[in-house]
Every structure is written in C-alpha cells, then in structure tokens.
Amino acid sequence: MNMHEHSFGIRRPLCLTVFCFLLAATLQGCLPGDGASSFSGQVLDEQNQPVIDADVTISDAPSNKNQLLMSPWKLKTHAEGKFQITSAHAPAEGGLILEVKKEGYEPYQKQYAAGSVYANLIINLKPKDESEPKVPEQ
C-alpha cells in the first residue's frame, strides 16, 4: 500500500465524522425547544365558527434584547380557520408575538416564550364594535 492510499483510508472516516458532527450541530439549532418556535391552532368567531382568511403573524416581541426573526412570518387561516407556522430562529431567550387580524373583528395579540411548541391553540375573535366613532387617519 502506498502513502496516498493509506492517508485516504484514514481521511475518509475523519471527514465523515466531521461532516456528521457539523450536520448535527446545525440541525440542533432548528428543533423546537431550542432554536425554533411552532404555533398551530384554529381561529373561531363568537359562535365558534371558523374564521377563514384571517391574517396570522408571528413577530419579535419589542422587549427582546436580540432580534430572533429576520422578518415577521405571515400566513392566512384556511377553510376551517386553522393555521400552522413554525419559525426557525437563533437559540435565545425572548418572546414572540402571535397576532391575528380579520376585518370586522377586534385584533388578537399575545406574547409567547420563544423556543416552544404551542399546539391546538383556540383563538376566539370578537366582533369589532362599530358603534364607536372612527377617528380619521392623518
């Protein structure tokens, strides 16, 4: 066996080990509970009927010391009022704001701890009180 064949035989397992280590380190930062947050649930009205096409947004809490998300994550509820959103972010302490808006309803907003899984959330939107006078925007 010449020198080149011998070094390649050692290099291959070493390269594979380094690759697996780097892959595991990268994926670790993308798992819920460490560097990701996951929200799923259903948006309902006061009669417990699905609210279709409601805007669901996840954004950084204003109190965060460091920005967790590059930009807010947005989606719309589907025909059953359901939504699911998972956001990978740097492992860090902080909060995320879950906001739901739909025309004709009061907006919903709540802060959740980052790095957790929130499943089967039920969000009940209340109808907007149209009796209040509207202040024109300037």
Protein backbone atom coordinates (compact mmCIF):
# COMPACT_ATOMS: atom_id res chain seq x y z
CA MET A 1 0.00 0.00 0.00
CA ASN A 2 1.47 3.35 -0.93
CA MET A 3 1.34 6.52 1.18
CA HIS A 4 -1.55 8.04 -0.79
CA GLU A 5 -3.82 5.00 -0.32
CA HIS A 6 -3.05 4.87 3.41
CA SER A 7 -3.85 8.57 4.06
CA PHE A 8 -7.09 8.38 2.06
CA GLY A 9 -8.20 5.41 4.17
CA ILE A 10 -7.80 7.49 7.34
CA ARG A 11 -9.15 10.71 5.87
CA ARG A 12 -12.48 9.24 4.76
CA PRO A 13 -13.72 8.25 8.28
CA LEU A 14 -12.38 11.52 9.70
CA CYS A 15 -14.21 13.57 7.05
CA LEU A 16 -17.39 11.59 7.62
CA THR A 17 -17.14 12.15 11.39
CA VAL A 18 -16.58 15.89 10.97
CA PHE A 19 -19.47 16.13 8.48
CA CYS A 20 -21.86 14.28 10.85
CA PHE A 21 -20.82 16.50 13.76
CA LEU A 22 -21.41 19.69 11.77
CA LEU A 23 -24.75 18.40 10.47
CA ALA A 24 -25.91 17.52 13.99
CA ALA A 25 -24.82 20.93 15.31
CA THR A 26 -26.69 22.69 12.50
CA LEU A 27 -29.89 20.68 12.93
CA GLN A 28 -29.85 21.12 16.68
CA GLY A 29 -30.47 24.85 16.23
CA CYS A 30 -33.57 24.13 14.13
CA LEU A 31 -35.51 21.91 16.52
CA PRO A 32 -38.49 23.25 18.51
CA GLY A 33 -37.46 23.84 22.07
CA ASP A 34 -34.06 25.18 21.12
CA GLY A 35 -33.95 27.41 18.07
CA ALA A 36 -37.47 27.25 16.71
CA SER A 37 -40.99 28.09 17.74
CA SER A 38 -44.12 26.39 16.46
CA PHE A 39 -47.73 27.56 16.62
CA SER A 40 -50.81 25.72 15.42
CA GLY A 41 -54.48 26.12 16.13
CA GLN A 42 -57.80 27.43 14.95
CA VAL A 43 -59.34 30.89 14.74
CA LEU A 44 -63.04 31.00 15.61
CA ASP A 45 -65.70 33.68 15.97
CA GLU A 46 -68.06 34.13 18.96
CA GLN A 47 -70.34 31.36 17.62
CA ASN A 48 -67.33 29.01 17.38
CA GLN A 49 -67.43 29.13 13.58
CA PRO A 50 -64.12 29.13 11.67
CA VAL A 51 -62.73 32.50 10.63
CA ILE A 52 -61.42 32.00 7.10
CA ASP A 53 -58.56 34.08 5.62
CA ALA A 54 -57.59 35.69 8.94
CA ASP A 55 -54.07 37.12 8.90
CA VAL A 56 -51.78 35.28 11.35
CA THR A 57 -48.42 36.90 12.09
CA ILE A 58 -45.51 35.90 14.31
CA SER A 59 -43.03 38.67 15.11
CA ASP A 60 -40.37 39.59 17.65
CA ALA A 61 -41.56 40.91 21.00
CA PRO A 62 -40.48 44.55 21.47
CA SER A 63 -38.81 43.59 24.77
CA ASN A 64 -36.33 41.16 23.12
CA LYS A 65 -32.69 42.09 23.67
CA ASN A 66 -31.76 40.47 20.36
CA GLN A 67 -33.82 40.07 17.22
CA LEU A 68 -34.91 36.42 16.87
CA LEU A 69 -36.58 36.58 13.46
CA MET A 70 -35.20 38.11 10.28
CA SER A 71 -38.70 39.34 9.48
CA PRO A 72 -42.24 38.54 10.67
CA TRP A 73 -43.80 35.27 9.47
CA LYS A 74 -47.26 35.68 7.93
CA LEU A 75 -49.97 33.37 6.68
CA LYS A 76 -53.75 33.13 6.36
CA THR A 77 -56.11 30.68 8.00
CA HIS A 78 -57.64 28.12 5.63
CA ALA A 79 -61.25 26.96 5.19
CA GLU A 80 -61.52 25.51 8.70
CA GLY A 81 -59.89 28.55 10.30
CA LYS A 82 -56.78 26.51 11.03
CA PHE A 83 -53.17 27.63 10.88
CA GLN A 84 -49.72 26.17 11.47
CA ILE A 85 -46.49 28.11 11.46
CA THR A 86 -43.00 27.08 12.54
CA SER A 87 -40.24 29.61 12.68
CA ALA A 88 -36.57 28.72 12.97
CA HIS A 89 -34.51 31.29 14.83
CA ALA A 90 -31.32 31.57 16.82
CA PRO A 91 -31.47 29.77 20.16
CA ALA A 92 -32.13 32.61 22.57
CA GLU A 93 -34.39 33.75 25.32
CA GLY A 94 -37.11 36.15 24.37
CA GLY A 95 -40.66 36.36 23.23
CA LEU A 96 -42.67 36.17 20.07
CA ILE A 97 -45.94 37.96 19.39
CA LEU A 98 -48.75 35.97 17.82
CA GLU A 99 -51.20 38.33 16.17
CA VAL A 100 -54.45 37.51 14.36
CA LYS A 101 -56.38 40.10 12.37
CA LYS A 102 -59.51 39.95 10.26
CA GLU A 103 -61.64 42.83 9.05
CA GLY A 104 -64.78 43.17 11.18
CA TYR A 105 -63.10 41.68 14.27
CA GLU A 106 -61.03 43.02 17.14
CA PRO A 107 -57.37 42.05 16.66
CA TYR A 108 -55.90 39.31 18.87
CA GLN A 109 -52.38 39.69 20.19
CA LYS A 110 -50.47 37.65 22.75
CA GLN A 111 -46.82 37.15 23.65
CA TYR A 112 -45.38 33.64 23.93
CA ALA A 113 -41.95 32.41 25.02
CA ALA A 114 -39.64 31.66 22.09
CA GLY A 115 -38.32 28.16 21.58
CA SER A 116 -41.52 26.31 22.42
CA VAL A 117 -44.29 24.39 20.68
CA TYR A 118 -47.83 25.74 21.08
CA ALA A 119 -50.27 23.25 19.59
CA ASN A 120 -54.06 23.27 19.29
CA LEU A 121 -54.46 26.93 20.20
CA ILE A 122 -58.05 28.17 20.03
CA ILE A 123 -58.28 31.87 19.27
CA ASN A 124 -61.72 33.44 19.54
CA LEU A 125 -62.07 36.74 17.72
CA LYS A 126 -64.65 39.20 18.96
CA PRO A 127 -66.64 41.33 16.52
CA LYS A 128 -65.47 44.89 16.22
CA ASP A 129 -67.73 47.37 17.97
CA GLU A 130 -68.91 49.50 15.05
CA SER A 131 -70.78 51.92 17.35
CA GLU A 132 -67.54 53.69 18.30
CA PRO A 133 -66.81 56.75 16.16
CA LYS A 134 -63.87 56.26 13.84
CA VAL A 135 -61.02 58.72 14.10
CA PRO A 136 -59.75 59.62 10.64
CA GLU A 137 -56.09 58.79 9.99
CA GLN A 138 -53.82 61.71 9.26
